[in-house]
Amino acid sequence: MVESGAGFAGLDSEIASSIAEQAFDDLDAPVVRVTGVDAPMLYAKNLERLKTPTREQIVAAVRRVCYANGS
């Protein structure tokens, strides 16, 4: 799950919870959430970029779930 907002009480937390509750036995790996930093919404573009999940964070999470990083 990827969400630009903070993970606390976000839409992705509800979806992840539903997946874990209703499809747990069908999962090959746990649900992983990549979210923005838990901070107030920032209005300066440079700070907003720091808060938003990066491509590298998303790829790392996908690799972790697919066991593609050797762990």
Protein backbone atom coordinates (compact mmCIF):
# COMPACT_ATOMS: atom_id res chain seq x y z
CA MET A 1 0.00 0.00 0.00
CA VAL A 2 1.38 3.43 -0.93
CA GLU A 3 -0.10 6.64 0.41
CA SER A 4 1.40 10.11 0.37
CA GLY A 5 -0.36 11.07 3.59
CA ALA A 6 0.70 9.98 7.05
CA GLY A 7 -0.12 6.33 7.70
CA PHE A 8 -2.02 7.00 10.91
CA ALA A 9 -5.78 6.60 10.34
CA GLY A 10 -5.38 6.91 6.58
CA LEU A 11 -7.29 5.18 3.84
CA ASP A 12 -4.46 2.72 3.29
CA SER A 13 -4.62 1.58 6.91
CA GLU A 14 -8.27 0.64 6.46
CA ILE A 15 -7.59 -1.20 3.21
CA ALA A 16 -4.57 -3.00 4.71
CA SER A 17 -6.67 -4.02 7.70
CA SER A 18 -9.42 -5.39 5.47
CA ILE A 19 -6.92 -7.36 3.40
CA ALA A 20 -5.29 -8.81 6.52
CA GLU A 21 -8.66 -9.74 8.03
CA GLN A 22 -10.34 -11.15 4.94
CA ALA A 23 -7.48 -12.59 2.88
CA PHE A 24 -4.79 -13.48 5.44
CA ASP A 25 -4.56 -17.12 4.37
CA ASP A 26 -4.14 -16.10 0.71
CA LEU A 27 -1.21 -13.75 1.35
CA ASP A 28 2.35 -14.87 0.61
CA ALA A 29 3.76 -11.96 2.64
CA PRO A 30 2.37 -9.44 5.10
CA VAL A 31 0.80 -6.22 3.87
CA VAL A 32 3.41 -3.47 3.79
CA ARG A 33 2.52 0.21 3.91
CA VAL A 34 4.74 2.96 2.54
CA THR A 35 3.43 6.28 3.78
CA GLY A 36 4.45 9.87 4.15
CA VAL A 37 6.25 11.07 7.22
CA ASP A 38 3.97 11.46 10.25
CA ALA A 39 4.04 15.27 10.23
CA PRO A 40 1.60 18.10 9.56
CA MET A 41 0.94 18.92 5.91
CA LEU A 42 3.74 21.08 4.61
CA TYR A 43 3.20 23.84 2.08
CA ALA A 44 6.74 24.54 0.91
CA LYS A 45 7.52 22.38 -2.16
CA ASN A 46 10.95 21.31 -0.88
CA LEU A 47 9.50 20.16 2.46
CA GLU A 48 6.57 18.46 0.76
CA ARG A 49 9.02 16.40 -1.31
CA LEU A 50 10.78 15.29 1.89
CA LYS A 51 7.45 14.18 3.41
CA THR A 52 6.20 12.21 0.39
CA PRO A 53 7.29 8.56 -0.09
CA THR A 54 10.06 8.27 -2.65
CA ARG A 55 10.37 5.90 -5.57
CA GLU A 56 13.24 4.21 -3.75
CA GLN A 57 11.10 3.58 -0.64
CA ILE A 58 8.33 2.08 -2.77
CA VAL A 59 10.73 -0.17 -4.71
CA ALA A 60 12.38 -1.31 -1.46
CA ALA A 61 8.97 -2.26 -0.02
CA VAL A 62 8.05 -4.20 -3.17
CA ARG A 63 11.37 -6.04 -3.08
CA ARG A 64 10.85 -6.84 0.62
CA VAL A 65 7.38 -8.30 -0.02
CA CYS A 66 8.62 -10.27 -3.04
CA TYR A 67 11.67 -11.50 -1.11
CA ALA A 68 13.81 -10.05 -3.92
CA ASN A 69 16.45 -8.46 -1.65
CA GLY A 70 17.82 -11.71 -0.30
CA SER A 71 16.01 -11.65 3.05
